[in-house]
Amino acid sequence: MSGRDRGREAAARPTMRRRGVLLLLGLAACWPALPGCKALVAQMLMWGQEPKKRVKAEYPHLAQKKVGVLIWVEPVTAFEYPQVQFEMSEFVISALDGNVKGAKFVPSRRAVDMQRADANWDRADPALLARRLECERLVLIEVTQYSTRDPESPHLFRGQLQGNVKVYDVEYENSQPAYQTLVEASYPPDSIGHWGTNDREVRRGMMEAFAAELSKRFCDHEVSVK
């Protein structure tokens, strides 16, 4: 590049910077009037931050309700992890309590005690179970997968938790769920556990991830825009 060309480039830089400033000032001036302008300015001012969007709750009707949580697991899972129902219930209630406005919850210990006192609880009408727990909505989670080992490499740790989630309204006996969904979670999410990972750490991580994913179905939340 010749000296004359370099001089022209240097002279153009302040002009380009001024244009950038004027563009931002112009966009800021239109902020109150144009919703699209707001989004553009926000993204330019937060350069480098991952854009997100707001997603509505799939089932927002736990808000302001008394909620009971029951966990069903395979007998082999209950035998290997005797406290699994109580543990999962605690994680789920903690996640919902922090995100569902005004909801109150039946204590996990009370729900588990009811299950253990009645061997046939899972055959009863969910609406009647909700009345026994004195709640307005019953969240029933049928755990279909609960594993701390990678299925392709059983000697490596990686938690996999999957469950069918159903919500019942106490006002309607012998009815279908008011809402149902499938929730899945893995821990660690993208790889096997690091060296030194143990069963307890993996179980805690996958139950926490499952509860966090489940709570998104019942409250408004943000997701990354790809």
C-alpha atoms as a PDB file:
ATOM      1  CA  MET A   1       0.000   0.000   0.000  1.00  0.00           C
ATOM      2  CA  SER A   2       1.392   3.424  -0.997  1.00  0.00           C
ATOM      3  CA  GLY A   3       1.826   6.317   1.413  1.00  0.00           C
ATOM      4  CA  ARG A   4      -1.057   8.138  -0.288  1.00  0.00           C
ATOM      5  CA  ASP A   5      -3.380   5.115   0.181  1.00  0.00           C
ATOM      6  CA  ARG A   6      -2.431   4.787   3.837  1.00  0.00           C
ATOM      7  CA  GLY A   7      -3.163   8.436   4.335  1.00  0.00           C
ATOM      8  CA  ARG A   8      -6.613   8.060   2.779  1.00  0.00           C
ATOM      9  CA  GLU A   9      -7.369   5.025   5.003  1.00  0.00           C
ATOM     10  CA  ALA A  10      -6.289   6.905   8.142  1.00  0.00           C
ATOM     11  CA  ALA A  11      -8.413   9.874   7.201  1.00  0.00           C
ATOM     12  CA  ALA A  12     -11.434   7.631   6.680  1.00  0.00           C
ATOM     13  CA  ARG A  13     -11.270   6.026  10.139  1.00  0.00           C
ATOM     14  CA  PRO A  14     -12.615   9.009  12.127  1.00  0.00           C
ATOM     15  CA  THR A  15     -15.430   9.339   9.596  1.00  0.00           C
ATOM     16  CA  MET A  16     -16.360   5.662  10.014  1.00  0.00           C
ATOM     17  CA  ARG A  17     -16.293   5.986  13.787  1.00  0.00           C
ATOM     18  CA  ARG A  18     -18.496   9.069  13.607  1.00  0.00           C
ATOM     19  CA  ARG A  19     -20.948   7.186  11.408  1.00  0.00           C
ATOM     20  CA  GLY A  20     -21.096   4.339  13.940  1.00  0.00           C
ATOM     21  CA  VAL A  21     -21.789   6.758  16.784  1.00  0.00           C
ATOM     22  CA  LEU A  22     -24.449   8.561  14.741  1.00  0.00           C
ATOM     23  CA  LEU A  23     -26.081   5.202  13.912  1.00  0.00           C
ATOM     24  CA  LEU A  24     -26.321   4.268  17.595  1.00  0.00           C
ATOM     25  CA  LEU A  25     -27.630   7.736  18.489  1.00  0.00           C
ATOM     26  CA  GLY A  26     -30.212   7.488  15.738  1.00  0.00           C
ATOM     27  CA  LEU A  27     -31.349   4.062  16.904  1.00  0.00           C
ATOM     28  CA  ALA A  28     -31.523   5.262  20.493  1.00  0.00           C
ATOM     29  CA  ALA A  29     -33.688   8.178  19.391  1.00  0.00           C
ATOM     30  CA  CYS A  30     -36.255   5.790  17.887  1.00  0.00           C
ATOM     31  CA  TRP A  31     -36.230   3.530  20.997  1.00  0.00           C
ATOM     32  CA  PRO A  32     -39.596   4.636  22.459  1.00  0.00           C
ATOM     33  CA  ALA A  33     -41.426   4.338  19.144  1.00  0.00           C
ATOM     34  CA  LEU A  34     -40.294   1.144  17.443  1.00  0.00           C
ATOM     35  CA  PRO A  35     -40.215  -2.293  19.175  1.00  0.00           C
ATOM     36  CA  GLY A  36     -37.929  -3.682  16.484  1.00  0.00           C
ATOM     37  CA  CYS A  37     -35.593  -0.753  16.993  1.00  0.00           C
ATOM     38  CA  LYS A  38     -35.417  -1.556  20.714  1.00  0.00           C
ATOM     39  CA  ALA A  39     -34.299  -5.109  20.019  1.00  0.00           C
ATOM     40  CA  LEU A  40     -31.662  -3.953  17.544  1.00  0.00           C
ATOM     41  CA  VAL A  41     -30.229  -1.355  19.903  1.00  0.00           C
ATOM     42  CA  ALA A  42     -30.217  -3.830  22.779  1.00  0.00           C
ATOM     43  CA  GLN A  43     -28.278  -6.382  20.755  1.00  0.00           C
ATOM     44  CA  MET A  44     -25.780  -3.762  19.568  1.00  0.00           C
ATOM     45  CA  LEU A  45     -25.229  -2.425  23.081  1.00  0.00           C
ATOM     46  CA  MET A  46     -24.809  -5.949  24.471  1.00  0.00           C
ATOM     47  CA  TRP A  47     -22.372  -7.016  21.780  1.00  0.00           C
ATOM     48  CA  GLY A  48     -20.997 -10.464  22.536  1.00  0.00           C
ATOM     49  CA  GLN A  49     -23.844 -11.529  24.823  1.00  0.00           C
ATOM     50  CA  GLU A  50     -25.936 -14.492  23.719  1.00  0.00           C
ATOM     51  CA  PRO A  51     -29.394 -13.305  22.577  1.00  0.00           C
ATOM     52  CA  LYS A  52     -32.367 -14.818  24.396  1.00  0.00           C
ATOM     53  CA  LYS A  53     -36.118 -14.872  24.070  1.00  0.00           C
ATOM     54  CA  ARG A  54     -38.944 -15.230  26.573  1.00  0.00           C
ATOM     55  CA  VAL A  55     -40.968 -18.467  26.483  1.00  0.00           C
ATOM     56  CA  LYS A  56     -44.385 -18.839  28.105  1.00  0.00           C
ATOM     57  CA  ALA A  57     -45.171 -21.669  30.527  1.00  0.00           C
ATOM     58  CA  GLU A  58     -46.814 -24.700  28.919  1.00  0.00           C
ATOM     59  CA  TYR A  59     -48.988 -25.167  32.014  1.00  0.00           C
ATOM     60  CA  PRO A  60     -49.164 -22.003  34.147  1.00  0.00           C
ATOM     61  CA  HIS A  61     -51.911 -23.274  36.455  1.00  0.00           C
ATOM     62  CA  LEU A  62     -49.766 -24.330  39.409  1.00  0.00           C
ATOM     63  CA  ALA A  63     -49.448 -20.672  40.384  1.00  0.00           C
ATOM     64  CA  GLN A  64     -51.277 -19.763  43.582  1.00  0.00           C
ATOM     65  CA  LYS A  65     -52.171 -23.455  44.163  1.00  0.00           C
ATOM     66  CA  LYS A  66     -51.386 -26.021  46.852  1.00  0.00           C
ATOM     67  CA  VAL A  67     -49.348 -28.678  45.034  1.00  0.00           C
ATOM     68  CA  GLY A  68     -48.463 -32.249  45.917  1.00  0.00           C
ATOM     69  CA  VAL A  69     -45.622 -34.170  44.233  1.00  0.00           C
ATOM     70  CA  LEU A  70     -45.570 -37.966  43.991  1.00  0.00           C
ATOM     71  CA  ILE A  71     -42.724 -39.977  42.477  1.00  0.00           C
ATOM     72  CA  TRP A  72     -43.214 -43.463  41.018  1.00  0.00           C
ATOM     73  CA  VAL A  73     -40.117 -45.584  40.342  1.00  0.00           C
ATOM     74  CA  GLU A  74     -39.472 -49.162  39.301  1.00  0.00           C
ATOM     75  CA  PRO A  75     -39.162 -51.566  42.274  1.00  0.00           C
ATOM     76  CA  VAL A  76     -35.531 -52.299  41.365  1.00  0.00           C
ATOM     77  CA  THR A  77     -34.737 -48.581  41.501  1.00  0.00           C
ATOM     78  CA  ALA A  78     -36.488 -48.188  44.859  1.00  0.00           C
ATOM     79  CA  PHE A  79     -34.533 -51.194  46.189  1.00  0.00           C
ATOM     80  CA  GLU A  80     -31.165 -49.816  45.055  1.00  0.00           C
ATOM     81  CA  TYR A  81     -31.954 -46.247  46.161  1.00  0.00           C
ATOM     82  CA  PRO A  82     -34.417 -46.413  49.096  1.00  0.00           C
ATOM     83  CA  GLN A  83     -34.629 -42.615  49.426  1.00  0.00           C
ATOM     84  CA  VAL A  84     -35.052 -41.856  45.727  1.00  0.00           C
ATOM     85  CA  GLN A  85     -38.704 -40.784  45.973  1.00  0.00           C
ATOM     86  CA  PHE A  86     -38.000 -38.368  48.802  1.00  0.00           C
ATOM     87  CA  GLU A  87     -34.846 -37.046  47.112  1.00  0.00           C
ATOM     88  CA  MET A  88     -36.507 -36.426  43.748  1.00  0.00           C
ATOM     89  CA  SER A  89     -39.518 -34.812  45.390  1.00  0.00           C
ATOM     90  CA  GLU A  90     -37.235 -32.433  47.283  1.00  0.00           C
ATOM     91  CA  PHE A  91     -35.388 -31.382  44.125  1.00  0.00           C
ATOM     92  CA  VAL A  92     -38.635 -30.881  42.184  1.00  0.00           C
ATOM     93  CA  ILE A  93     -40.295 -28.854  44.943  1.00  0.00           C
ATOM     94  CA  SER A  94     -37.183 -26.707  45.354  1.00  0.00           C
ATOM     95  CA  ALA A  95     -37.128 -25.910  41.612  1.00  0.00           C
ATOM     96  CA  LEU A  96     -40.864 -25.185  41.436  1.00  0.00           C
ATOM     97  CA  ASP A  97     -40.907 -23.169  44.639  1.00  0.00           C
ATOM     98  CA  GLY A  98     -38.319 -20.802  43.233  1.00  0.00           C
ATOM     99  CA  ASN A  99     -40.145 -20.268  39.940  1.00  0.00           C
ATOM    100  CA  VAL A 100     -43.925 -20.770  40.264  1.00  0.00           C
ATOM    101  CA  LYS A 101     -45.487 -17.663  41.731  1.00  0.00           C
ATOM    102  CA  GLY A 102     -47.541 -18.149  44.875  1.00  0.00           C
ATOM    103  CA  ALA A 103     -47.485 -21.962  44.846  1.00  0.00           C
ATOM    104  CA  LYS A 104     -47.344 -23.875  48.121  1.00  0.00           C
ATOM    105  CA  PHE A 105     -46.270 -27.497  48.440  1.00  0.00           C
ATOM    106  CA  VAL A 106     -47.103 -30.599  50.448  1.00  0.00           C
ATOM    107  CA  PRO A 107     -43.942 -31.602  52.387  1.00  0.00           C
ATOM    108  CA  SER A 108     -42.048 -34.388  50.646  1.00  0.00           C
ATOM    109  CA  ARG A 109     -41.925 -36.520  53.777  1.00  0.00           C
ATOM    110  CA  ARG A 110     -45.709 -36.476  54.113  1.00  0.00           C
ATOM    111  CA  ALA A 111     -46.163 -37.570  50.491  1.00  0.00           C
ATOM    112  CA  VAL A 112     -43.597 -40.387  50.773  1.00  0.00           C
ATOM    113  CA  ASP A 113     -45.082 -41.592  54.073  1.00  0.00           C
ATOM    114  CA  MET A 114     -48.476 -41.855  52.392  1.00  0.00           C
ATOM    115  CA  GLN A 115     -46.966 -43.919  49.555  1.00  0.00           C
ATOM    116  CA  ARG A 116     -45.212 -46.288  51.944  1.00  0.00           C
ATOM    117  CA  ALA A 117     -48.340 -46.743  54.044  1.00  0.00           C
ATOM    118  CA  ASP A 118     -50.369 -47.796  50.997  1.00  0.00           C
ATOM    119  CA  ALA A 119     -48.751 -50.392  48.719  1.00  0.00           C
ATOM    120  CA  ASN A 120     -51.483 -49.820  46.127  1.00  0.00           C
ATOM    121  CA  TRP A 121     -51.329 -46.034  46.073  1.00  0.00           C
ATOM    122  CA  ASP A 122     -50.357 -46.032  42.390  1.00  0.00           C
ATOM    123  CA  ARG A 123     -53.651 -47.738  41.490  1.00  0.00           C
ATOM    124  CA  ALA A 124     -55.796 -45.112  43.181  1.00  0.00           C
ATOM    125  CA  ASP A 125     -57.486 -42.201  41.437  1.00  0.00           C
ATOM    126  CA  PRO A 126     -54.940 -39.352  41.432  1.00  0.00           C
ATOM    127  CA  ALA A 127     -57.686 -36.884  42.367  1.00  0.00           C
ATOM    128  CA  LEU A 128     -58.375 -38.887  45.534  1.00  0.00           C
ATOM    129  CA  LEU A 129     -54.654 -38.996  46.339  1.00  0.00           C
ATOM    130  CA  ALA A 130     -54.581 -35.221  45.993  1.00  0.00           C
ATOM    131  CA  ARG A 131     -57.430 -34.933  48.480  1.00  0.00           C
ATOM    132  CA  ARG A 132     -55.599 -37.177  50.932  1.00  0.00           C
ATOM    133  CA  LEU A 133     -52.641 -34.820  50.656  1.00  0.00           C
ATOM    134  CA  GLU A 134     -54.966 -31.800  50.918  1.00  0.00           C
ATOM    135  CA  CYS A 135     -53.699 -30.204  47.736  1.00  0.00           C
ATOM    136  CA  GLU A 136     -55.360 -28.673  44.677  1.00  0.00           C
ATOM    137  CA  ARG A 137     -52.996 -30.033  42.032  1.00  0.00           C
ATOM    138  CA  LEU A 138     -51.079 -33.297  42.006  1.00  0.00           C
ATOM    139  CA  VAL A 139     -47.854 -33.636  40.019  1.00  0.00           C
ATOM    140  CA  LEU A 140     -47.207 -37.326  39.381  1.00  0.00           C
ATOM    141  CA  ILE A 141     -43.791 -38.237  37.957  1.00  0.00           C
ATOM    142  CA  GLU A 142     -43.411 -41.741  36.549  1.00  0.00           C
ATOM    143  CA  VAL A 143     -39.667 -42.362  36.356  1.00  0.00           C
ATOM    144  CA  THR A 144     -38.890 -44.524  33.333  1.00  0.00           C
ATOM    145  CA  GLN A 145     -35.088 -44.218  33.436  1.00  0.00           C
ATOM    146  CA  TYR A 146     -32.826 -43.665  36.428  1.00  0.00           C
ATOM    147  CA  SER A 147     -29.214 -44.558  35.771  1.00  0.00           C
ATOM    148  CA  THR A 148     -25.821 -43.238  36.805  1.00  0.00           C
ATOM    149  CA  ARG A 149     -23.805 -45.219  34.243  1.00  0.00           C
ATOM    150  CA  ASP A 150     -23.185 -44.601  30.564  1.00  0.00           C
ATOM    151  CA  PRO A 151     -25.225 -47.252  28.691  1.00  0.00           C
ATOM    152  CA  GLU A 152     -22.383 -47.860  26.222  1.00  0.00           C
ATOM    153  CA  SER A 153     -19.650 -47.912  28.876  1.00  0.00           C
ATOM    154  CA  PRO A 154     -21.064 -49.182  32.201  1.00  0.00           C
ATOM    155  CA  HIS A 155     -17.785 -48.518  34.025  1.00  0.00           C
ATOM    156  CA  LEU A 156     -18.108 -44.758  33.307  1.00  0.00           C
ATOM    157  CA  PHE A 157     -20.387 -42.364  35.165  1.00  0.00           C
ATOM    158  CA  ARG A 158     -23.077 -40.403  33.333  1.00  0.00           C
ATOM    159  CA  GLY A 159     -26.511 -39.834  34.779  1.00  0.00           C
ATOM    160  CA  GLN A 160     -29.640 -40.375  32.693  1.00  0.00           C
ATOM    161  CA  LEU A 161     -33.042 -39.477  34.149  1.00  0.00           C
ATOM    162  CA  GLN A 162     -36.337 -39.587  32.279  1.00  0.00           C
ATOM    163  CA  GLY A 163     -39.887 -39.295  33.507  1.00  0.00           C
ATOM    164  CA  ASN A 164     -43.466 -38.898  32.365  1.00  0.00           C
ATOM    165  CA  VAL A 165     -44.934 -35.915  34.196  1.00  0.00           C
ATOM    166  CA  LYS A 166     -48.700 -35.698  34.710  1.00  0.00           C
ATOM    167  CA  VAL A 167     -50.716 -33.008  36.474  1.00  0.00           C
ATOM    168  CA  TYR A 168     -54.134 -33.794  37.960  1.00  0.00           C
ATOM    169  CA  ASP A 169     -56.827 -31.411  39.175  1.00  0.00           C
ATOM    170  CA  VAL A 170     -58.386 -32.513  42.464  1.00  0.00           C
ATOM    171  CA  GLU A 171     -61.817 -31.270  41.321  1.00  0.00           C
ATOM    172  CA  TYR A 172     -62.160 -33.924  38.610  1.00  0.00           C
ATOM    173  CA  GLU A 173     -62.278 -37.568  39.680  1.00  0.00           C
ATOM    174  CA  ASN A 174     -61.363 -40.401  37.295  1.00  0.00           C
ATOM    175  CA  SER A 175     -60.227 -37.919  34.655  1.00  0.00           C
ATOM    176  CA  GLN A 176     -57.289 -37.738  32.317  1.00  0.00           C
ATOM    177  CA  PRO A 177     -54.342 -35.529  33.297  1.00  0.00           C
ATOM    178  CA  ALA A 178     -54.925 -31.811  32.882  1.00  0.00           C
ATOM    179  CA  TYR A 179     -51.384 -31.673  31.482  1.00  0.00           C
ATOM    180  CA  GLN A 180     -48.645 -34.175  30.673  1.00  0.00           C
ATOM    181  CA  THR A 181     -45.147 -34.028  29.263  1.00  0.00           C
ATOM    182  CA  LEU A 182     -41.901 -35.986  29.002  1.00  0.00           C
ATOM    183  CA  VAL A 183     -38.863 -34.608  30.812  1.00  0.00           C
ATOM    184  CA  GLU A 184     -35.291 -35.838  30.261  1.00  0.00           C
ATOM    185  CA  ALA A 185     -31.984 -34.822  31.798  1.00  0.00           C
ATOM    186  CA  SER A 186     -28.356 -35.948  31.653  1.00  0.00           C
ATOM    187  CA  TYR A 187     -25.462 -35.216  33.979  1.00  0.00           C
ATOM    188  CA  PRO A 188     -22.905 -34.182  32.956  1.00  0.00           C
ATOM    189  CA  PRO A 189     -24.961 -32.839  30.028  1.00  0.00           C
ATOM    190  CA  ASP A 190     -22.408 -33.248  27.230  1.00  0.00           C
ATOM    191  CA  SER A 191     -19.911 -35.890  28.335  1.00  0.00           C
ATOM    192  CA  ILE A 192     -19.121 -38.623  30.827  1.00  0.00           C
ATOM    193  CA  GLY A 193     -18.172 -37.697  34.380  1.00  0.00           C
ATOM    194  CA  HIS A 194     -14.670 -36.432  34.993  1.00  0.00           C
ATOM    195  CA  TRP A 195     -12.056 -38.494  36.785  1.00  0.00           C
ATOM    196  CA  GLY A 196     -13.041 -38.976  40.417  1.00  0.00           C
ATOM    197  CA  THR A 197     -16.786 -38.557  39.852  1.00  0.00           C
ATOM    198  CA  ASN A 198     -18.862 -40.803  42.105  1.00  0.00           C
ATOM    199  CA  ASP A 199     -22.380 -42.196  42.110  1.00  0.00           C
ATOM    200  CA  ARG A 200     -23.675 -39.726  44.691  1.00  0.00           C
ATOM    201  CA  GLU A 201     -22.419 -36.703  42.754  1.00  0.00           C
ATOM    202  CA  VAL A 202     -23.959 -37.962  39.511  1.00  0.00           C
ATOM    203  CA  ARG A 203     -27.323 -38.708  41.119  1.00  0.00           C
ATOM    204  CA  ARG A 204     -27.471 -35.265  42.664  1.00  0.00           C
ATOM    205  CA  GLY A 205     -26.518 -33.581  39.398  1.00  0.00           C
ATOM    206  CA  MET A 206     -29.040 -35.454  37.268  1.00  0.00           C
ATOM    207  CA  MET A 207     -31.918 -34.929  39.728  1.00  0.00           C
ATOM    208  CA  GLU A 208     -31.115 -31.239  39.955  1.00  0.00           C
ATOM    209  CA  ALA A 209     -30.973 -30.959  36.135  1.00  0.00           C
ATOM    210  CA  PHE A 210     -34.252 -32.893  35.801  1.00  0.00           C
ATOM    211  CA  ALA A 211     -36.008 -30.643  38.306  1.00  0.00           C
ATOM    212  CA  ALA A 212     -34.735 -27.498  36.579  1.00  0.00           C
ATOM    213  CA  GLU A 213     -35.957 -28.760  33.189  1.00  0.00           C
ATOM    214  CA  LEU A 214     -39.323 -29.764  34.645  1.00  0.00           C
ATOM    215  CA  SER A 215     -39.860 -26.356  36.257  1.00  0.00           C
ATOM    216  CA  LYS A 216     -39.603 -24.669  32.842  1.00  0.00           C
ATOM    217  CA  ARG A 217     -42.879 -26.308  31.819  1.00  0.00           C
ATOM    218  CA  PHE A 218     -44.697 -24.468  34.614  1.00  0.00           C
ATOM    219  CA  CYS A 219     -43.233 -20.953  34.470  1.00  0.00           C
ATOM    220  CA  ASP A 220     -42.187 -18.327  31.959  1.00  0.00           C
ATOM    221  CA  HIS A 221     -38.461 -18.531  31.215  1.00  0.00           C
ATOM    222  CA  GLU A 222     -35.737 -17.469  28.811  1.00  0.00           C
ATOM    223  CA  VAL A 223     -34.056 -19.635  26.190  1.00  0.00           C
ATOM    224  CA  SER A 224     -31.081 -18.937  23.957  1.00  0.00           C
ATOM    225  CA  VAL A 225     -31.828 -17.881  20.389  1.00  0.00           C
ATOM    226  CA  LYS A 226     -29.784 -19.994  17.971  1.00  0.00           C
END
